[in-house]
Amino acid sequence: MSINYRTTVNVEWTSKCNALCAMCPRDRIEHPHIMDSETWQQTLARIAPDEVVRVVIAGYGEPTTHPRFFDMVDGLRRHPARFDMVSNGHLLDEEKIRHLDGALGLLLISFSSIDPDVYGKVHANLDQTRVMANIKAARKLLKHTALGISLTPMPECLPGLPDTIGWLRAEGVELLTMSPTLYNRGGSLTEHQLATRKLRALIKEHGLQSQEIPFIPSAIEVLRQWRSNSFKCIPRNIDVFVASTGEYLYCYNDIGHKHAIGHVATHGIHDVLARRHGMPAIAELCDSCNMRDRYGPVELAKVGASLAAIRLRDVRSAIGF
């Protein structure tokens, strides 16, 4: 099968984490793992810019906890693809910030609230004061890597959202993102589902960037992804998940890491996309997922309009308008 579209790759350096976040069902990961150097090199060898839009270092663990963090970052510098990283910010000290500067296109820190009580409930087991200090340090020290904040769309975070945004902007952080869907990870957040309409309204009201936009290189690419996959699930089809074991997972919703469809040692991204093309829904993963039917025709049109507006803004900025 010929694959005529590019995808995003989500790479998990480790499925271990130093946080116990309220929105993350970490208890489903039965055997937390740390990616070894050989698997990392095999993963890098599978990533080609003509097949991959961007690579996000994230997964279900905290990348800064990797014992060979500095070596792992060094592997990015020699690679032509774009790499971004998502972190909870707790271990992002000055040494780590300086080391990753220029190796990443974007460092995205997950932050829930300026309210200590809310932060403690949502980002449990982390030190809010330390994270805030690290955000300030990253804003000061990063010269070649962009800094962004991923705002948590949990219900308890929303009343204090204006104050949280105010503090971040006062510190000079301009790129603030939020997902328009509270992702029901593995069916664990059914009691917290929020209407996309409400979250989109908040994103628009506060001038945030919808978190889906960076995953979409162009409307044409999304159309190609849609037409090339018999299973019409955009969130699944725009992303390939590489677990810390080196296994490609069926989709990001496979929190338990139980549905591997290949390994970086033996399968390229093209091969995995071709294999996944004809795969049907997996009931264990898909039946409770609130992302599967996330994008209907109207929603796709809204995303396309948002994408076009951002592209136009970037062009105007580049030419000085």
Protein backbone atom coordinates (compact mmCIF):
# COMPACT_ATOMS: atom_id res chain seq x y z
CA MET A 1 0.00 0.00 0.00
CA SER A 2 1.27 3.48 -0.90
CA ILE A 3 1.14 6.05 1.93
CA ASN A 4 0.76 9.56 0.52
CA TYR A 5 0.52 11.56 3.72
CA ARG A 6 2.74 12.54 6.64
CA THR A 7 2.05 11.86 10.29
CA THR A 8 3.11 13.02 13.75
CA VAL A 9 5.17 10.66 15.91
CA ASN A 10 4.73 10.58 19.69
CA VAL A 11 7.83 9.06 21.31
CA GLU A 12 7.83 7.87 24.90
CA TRP A 13 11.31 8.01 26.45
CA THR A 14 9.89 6.50 29.61
CA SER A 15 6.50 5.34 30.87
CA LYS A 16 7.62 6.17 34.42
CA CYS A 17 6.57 9.49 35.91
CA ASN A 18 7.23 11.63 38.97
CA ALA A 19 3.64 12.92 39.03
CA LEU A 20 0.27 11.48 39.95
CA CYS A 21 -1.90 13.74 37.82
CA ALA A 22 -5.65 13.51 38.30
CA MET A 23 -6.30 13.17 34.56
CA CYS A 24 -3.75 10.42 33.93
CA PRO A 25 -4.74 6.78 34.64
CA ARG A 26 -1.19 5.62 35.32
CA ASP A 27 -2.42 2.56 37.19
CA ARG A 28 -3.11 0.97 33.80
CA ILE A 29 0.61 0.82 32.99
CA GLU A 30 1.50 -2.50 34.56
CA HIS A 31 5.20 -2.52 33.70
CA PRO A 32 6.69 1.01 33.48
CA HIS A 33 9.75 1.03 31.24
CA ILE A 34 12.69 3.26 30.30
CA MET A 35 13.79 3.41 26.65
CA ASP A 36 17.35 2.19 26.18
CA SER A 37 19.95 3.83 23.93
CA GLU A 38 19.72 1.18 21.20
CA THR A 39 15.95 1.56 20.91
CA TRP A 40 16.30 5.35 20.80
CA GLN A 41 18.78 5.10 17.93
CA GLN A 42 16.48 2.70 16.10
CA THR A 43 13.60 5.12 16.60
CA LEU A 44 15.61 8.04 15.24
CA ALA A 45 16.56 5.95 12.20
CA ARG A 46 12.86 5.39 11.42
CA ILE A 47 11.99 9.10 11.41
CA ALA A 48 12.26 10.88 8.05
CA PRO A 49 11.02 14.43 7.37
CA ASP A 50 9.26 13.32 4.20
CA GLU A 51 7.10 10.94 6.27
CA VAL A 52 6.86 12.80 9.58
CA VAL A 53 5.49 16.28 10.32
CA ARG A 54 6.92 16.53 13.83
CA VAL A 55 8.06 14.33 16.69
CA VAL A 56 6.69 14.93 20.18
CA ILE A 57 8.72 13.55 23.09
CA ALA A 58 5.95 12.74 25.54
CA GLY A 59 4.07 9.46 25.91
CA TYR A 60 2.77 8.52 29.35
CA GLY A 61 5.91 9.28 31.32
CA GLU A 62 7.96 12.35 32.18
CA PRO A 63 10.93 12.65 29.76
CA THR A 64 13.07 14.66 32.18
CA THR A 65 13.18 11.66 34.53
CA HIS A 66 15.11 9.58 31.99
CA PRO A 67 18.51 8.70 33.54
CA ARG A 68 20.27 9.48 30.24
CA PHE A 69 18.31 12.66 29.56
CA PHE A 70 21.30 14.64 28.28
CA ASP A 71 22.39 11.87 25.89
CA MET A 72 18.83 11.45 24.62
CA VAL A 73 18.62 15.19 23.89
CA ASP A 74 21.95 15.08 22.05
CA GLY A 75 20.43 12.60 19.61
CA LEU A 76 17.97 15.30 18.50
CA ARG A 77 20.66 17.77 17.46
CA ARG A 78 21.94 15.57 14.65
CA HIS A 79 18.53 14.80 13.19
CA PRO A 80 16.75 16.79 10.42
CA ALA A 81 13.21 16.30 11.80
CA ARG A 82 11.46 18.75 14.12
CA PHE A 83 11.27 17.64 17.76
CA ASP A 84 9.06 19.06 20.51
CA MET A 85 8.77 17.96 24.14
CA VAL A 86 5.98 17.91 26.71
CA SER A 87 7.00 18.09 30.38
CA ASN A 88 5.37 18.69 33.75
CA GLY A 89 8.26 21.07 34.46
CA HIS A 90 9.19 19.75 37.91
CA LEU A 91 12.73 18.65 36.98
CA LEU A 92 13.43 21.31 34.37
CA ASP A 93 16.32 22.91 36.19
CA GLU A 94 18.73 25.40 34.61
CA GLU A 95 21.13 22.68 33.42
CA LYS A 96 18.41 20.77 31.57
CA ILE A 97 16.91 23.93 30.10
CA ARG A 98 20.26 25.08 28.72
CA HIS A 99 20.98 21.62 27.31
CA LEU A 100 17.74 21.27 25.38
CA ASP A 101 17.82 24.82 24.00
CA GLY A 102 18.08 24.56 20.23
CA ALA A 103 17.56 20.80 20.18
CA LEU A 104 13.79 21.27 20.38
CA GLY A 105 11.46 23.41 18.33
CA LEU A 106 9.05 23.74 21.24
CA LEU A 107 9.13 22.96 24.95
CA LEU A 108 5.55 22.61 26.18
CA ILE A 109 5.03 22.59 29.96
CA SER A 110 1.80 21.24 31.40
CA PHE A 111 0.39 23.64 34.01
CA SER A 112 -3.01 23.49 35.66
CA SER A 113 -3.49 26.50 37.91
CA ILE A 114 -1.91 29.40 39.76
CA ASP A 115 -4.07 28.35 42.73
CA PRO A 116 -1.90 26.08 44.94
CA ASP A 117 -4.87 24.00 46.09
CA VAL A 118 -6.09 23.34 42.56
CA TYR A 119 -2.58 22.64 41.31
CA GLY A 120 -1.99 20.19 44.16
CA LYS A 121 -5.14 18.26 43.28
CA VAL A 122 -4.58 18.18 39.52
CA HIS A 123 -0.78 17.88 39.32
CA ALA A 124 -0.45 15.75 42.42
CA ASN A 125 3.03 14.92 43.76
CA LEU A 126 4.62 17.97 42.12
CA ASP A 127 5.91 21.17 43.74
CA GLN A 128 3.99 24.08 42.23
CA THR A 129 6.49 26.68 43.47
CA ARG A 130 9.35 24.77 41.86
CA VAL A 131 7.47 24.36 38.58
CA MET A 132 6.64 28.06 38.47
CA ALA A 133 10.29 28.93 39.10
CA ASN A 134 11.31 26.60 36.27
CA ILE A 135 8.80 28.22 33.91
CA LYS A 136 10.33 31.60 34.71
CA ALA A 137 13.84 30.19 34.17
CA ALA A 138 12.86 28.64 30.84
CA ARG A 139 11.37 31.95 29.69
CA LYS A 140 14.68 33.65 30.52
CA LEU A 141 17.16 31.03 29.28
CA LEU A 142 15.62 29.63 26.10
CA LYS A 143 17.02 31.44 23.06
CA HIS A 144 16.48 28.94 20.22
CA THR A 145 13.60 26.82 21.53
CA ALA A 146 10.08 28.21 21.89
CA LEU A 147 8.34 27.93 25.25
CA GLY A 148 4.66 27.10 25.51
CA ILE A 149 2.26 26.21 28.30
CA SER A 150 -0.38 23.49 28.01
CA LEU A 151 -3.29 24.57 30.21
CA THR A 152 -5.25 21.71 31.75
CA PRO A 153 -8.98 21.75 30.84
CA MET A 154 -10.12 20.02 34.03
CA PRO A 155 -13.31 21.56 35.50
CA GLU A 156 -11.58 22.66 38.72
CA CYS A 157 -9.01 24.63 36.71
CA LEU A 158 -11.47 26.75 34.76
CA PRO A 159 -12.74 29.20 37.43
CA GLY A 160 -9.20 30.41 38.04
CA LEU A 161 -8.15 30.27 34.38
CA PRO A 162 -8.04 34.09 33.92
CA ASP A 163 -5.66 34.45 36.90
CA THR A 164 -3.45 31.61 35.64
CA ILE A 165 -3.29 33.14 32.18
CA GLY A 166 -2.59 36.57 33.70
CA TRP A 167 0.42 35.28 35.64
CA LEU A 168 1.86 33.46 32.64
CA ARG A 169 1.52 36.46 30.36
CA ALA A 170 2.99 38.74 33.02
CA GLU A 171 6.04 36.44 32.96
CA GLY A 172 6.29 36.89 29.19
CA VAL A 173 4.92 33.51 28.11
CA GLU A 174 2.96 34.16 24.93
CA LEU A 175 2.19 30.66 23.61
CA LEU A 176 -0.65 29.33 25.74
CA THR A 177 -2.49 26.25 24.50
CA MET A 178 -5.47 24.24 25.67
CA SER A 179 -7.20 21.19 24.28
CA PRO A 180 -10.82 21.76 23.16
CA THR A 181 -11.62 18.30 24.52
CA LEU A 182 -10.95 16.88 27.96
CA TYR A 183 -9.53 13.63 26.65
CA ASN A 184 -11.24 10.65 28.25
CA ARG A 185 -8.05 8.59 28.57
CA GLY A 186 -8.94 4.94 28.46
CA GLY A 187 -12.47 5.64 29.70
CA SER A 188 -11.24 6.97 33.05
CA LEU A 189 -12.68 10.51 32.91
CA THR A 190 -16.33 9.94 32.12
CA GLU A 191 -17.45 12.04 35.08
CA HIS A 192 -15.35 15.00 33.89
CA GLN A 193 -16.43 15.31 30.28
CA LEU A 194 -16.75 18.90 29.19
CA ALA A 195 -18.51 20.12 26.11
CA THR A 196 -16.12 21.01 23.29
CA ARG A 197 -18.28 24.08 22.63
CA LYS A 198 -17.53 25.42 26.13
CA LEU A 199 -13.79 24.79 25.87
CA ARG A 200 -13.62 26.31 22.38
CA ALA A 201 -15.39 29.39 23.72
CA LEU A 202 -12.78 29.70 26.49
CA ILE A 203 -9.94 29.24 23.99
CA LYS A 204 -11.36 32.03 21.86
CA GLU A 205 -12.18 34.30 24.81
CA HIS A 206 -8.65 34.16 26.22
CA GLY A 207 -6.76 34.14 22.93
CA LEU A 208 -5.33 30.66 23.45
CA GLN A 209 -4.10 28.29 20.78
CA SER A 210 -6.12 25.14 20.29
CA GLN A 211 -3.79 22.25 21.06
CA GLU A 212 -4.78 20.30 17.98
CA ILE A 213 -3.36 22.86 15.53
CA PRO A 214 0.35 21.85 15.66
CA PHE A 215 -0.63 18.27 14.72
CA ILE A 216 -2.12 19.48 11.43
CA PRO A 217 0.44 20.60 8.83
CA SER A 218 -2.25 21.56 6.32
CA ALA A 219 -5.86 20.90 5.41
CA ILE A 220 -4.65 18.85 2.44
CA GLU A 221 -2.63 16.57 4.74
CA VAL A 222 -5.70 15.95 6.92
CA LEU A 223 -7.75 15.11 3.82
CA ARG A 224 -5.06 12.68 2.70
CA GLN A 225 -4.98 11.05 6.13
CA TRP A 226 -8.76 10.76 6.10
CA ARG A 227 -8.99 9.31 2.59
CA SER A 228 -6.10 6.89 3.13
CA ASN A 229 -7.55 5.22 6.23
CA SER A 230 -10.60 2.99 6.08
CA PHE A 231 -11.16 3.56 9.81
CA LYS A 232 -12.30 7.18 10.04
CA CYS A 233 -10.68 8.33 13.26
CA ILE A 234 -8.63 11.47 12.78
CA PRO A 235 -6.93 11.44 16.21
CA ARG A 236 -5.71 7.89 15.58
CA ASN A 237 -4.64 8.50 12.02
CA ILE A 238 -2.66 11.72 12.53
CA ASP A 239 -0.37 10.17 15.15
CA VAL A 240 1.95 7.19 15.54
CA PHE A 241 2.87 6.24 19.11
CA VAL A 242 6.30 4.73 19.83
CA ALA A 243 6.35 3.28 23.35
CA SER A 244 9.43 3.23 25.57
CA THR A 245 9.85 -0.45 24.64
CA GLY A 246 10.19 0.53 20.97
CA GLU A 247 6.79 -0.89 20.08
CA TYR A 248 4.39 1.00 17.84
CA LEU A 249 1.00 1.09 19.57
CA TYR A 250 -2.37 0.98 17.82
CA CYS A 251 -3.11 4.47 19.13
CA TYR A 252 -2.38 6.91 21.93
CA ASN A 253 -5.39 5.63 23.83
CA ASP A 254 -3.61 2.32 24.49
CA ILE A 255 -2.51 3.40 27.96
CA GLY A 256 -1.87 -0.16 29.07
CA HIS A 257 0.57 -0.64 26.14
CA LYS A 258 -1.17 -3.88 25.15
CA HIS A 259 -1.82 -3.46 21.42
CA ALA A 260 1.52 -3.34 19.61
CA ILE A 261 1.50 -3.35 15.81
CA GLY A 262 5.25 -3.44 15.20
CA HIS A 263 8.65 -2.54 16.62
CA VAL A 264 11.19 0.09 15.55
CA ALA A 265 13.83 -2.65 15.24
CA THR A 266 11.90 -4.38 12.47
CA HIS A 267 9.25 -2.00 11.10
CA GLY A 268 9.41 1.44 9.52
CA ILE A 269 6.73 4.09 9.97
CA HIS A 270 5.47 3.52 6.42
CA ASP A 271 5.01 -0.19 7.18
CA VAL A 272 3.10 0.50 10.39
CA LEU A 273 0.81 3.05 8.73
CA ALA A 274 0.07 0.58 5.94
CA ARG A 275 -0.71 -2.14 8.46
CA ARG A 276 -2.92 0.09 10.59
CA HIS A 277 -4.78 1.36 7.51
CA GLY A 278 -7.12 -1.61 7.40
CA MET A 279 -7.38 -2.31 11.11
CA PRO A 280 -10.86 -1.93 12.64
CA ALA A 281 -11.73 -0.44 15.99
CA ILE A 282 -10.46 -2.21 19.10
CA ALA A 283 -13.41 -2.28 21.47
CA GLU A 284 -11.25 -2.09 24.59
CA LEU A 285 -9.76 1.19 23.36
CA CYS A 286 -12.40 2.74 21.17
CA ASP A 287 -15.77 2.14 22.83
CA SER A 288 -15.14 4.57 25.69
CA CYS A 289 -12.95 7.04 23.78
CA ASN A 290 -14.47 10.50 23.39
CA MET A 291 -11.97 11.36 20.65
CA ARG A 292 -13.08 8.75 18.11
CA ASP A 293 -16.01 10.83 16.81
CA ARG A 294 -14.41 14.09 17.85
CA TYR A 295 -14.26 15.56 14.34
CA GLY A 296 -17.43 15.63 12.33
CA PRO A 297 -17.84 17.81 9.21
CA VAL A 298 -18.65 20.95 11.22
CA GLU A 299 -15.75 20.42 13.62
CA LEU A 300 -13.37 19.79 10.73
CA ALA A 301 -14.48 23.04 9.12
CA LYS A 302 -13.81 24.93 12.38
CA VAL A 303 -10.34 23.40 12.70
CA GLY A 304 -9.62 24.24 9.08
CA ALA A 305 -10.69 27.84 9.63
CA SER A 306 -8.52 28.10 12.75
CA LEU A 307 -5.56 26.63 10.89
CA ALA A 308 -6.02 29.05 7.99
CA ALA A 309 -6.23 32.02 10.39
CA ILE A 310 -3.00 30.99 12.13
CA ARG A 311 -1.18 30.50 8.82
CA LEU A 312 -2.36 33.94 7.64
CA ARG A 313 -1.27 35.54 10.91
CA ASP A 314 2.19 33.94 10.61
CA VAL A 315 2.56 35.18 7.01
CA ARG A 316 1.53 38.72 7.97
CA SER A 317 3.95 38.67 10.89
CA ALA A 318 6.79 37.50 8.63
CA ILE A 319 6.26 40.34 6.15
CA GLY A 320 5.72 42.99 8.81
CA PHE A 321 1.96 43.62 8.62
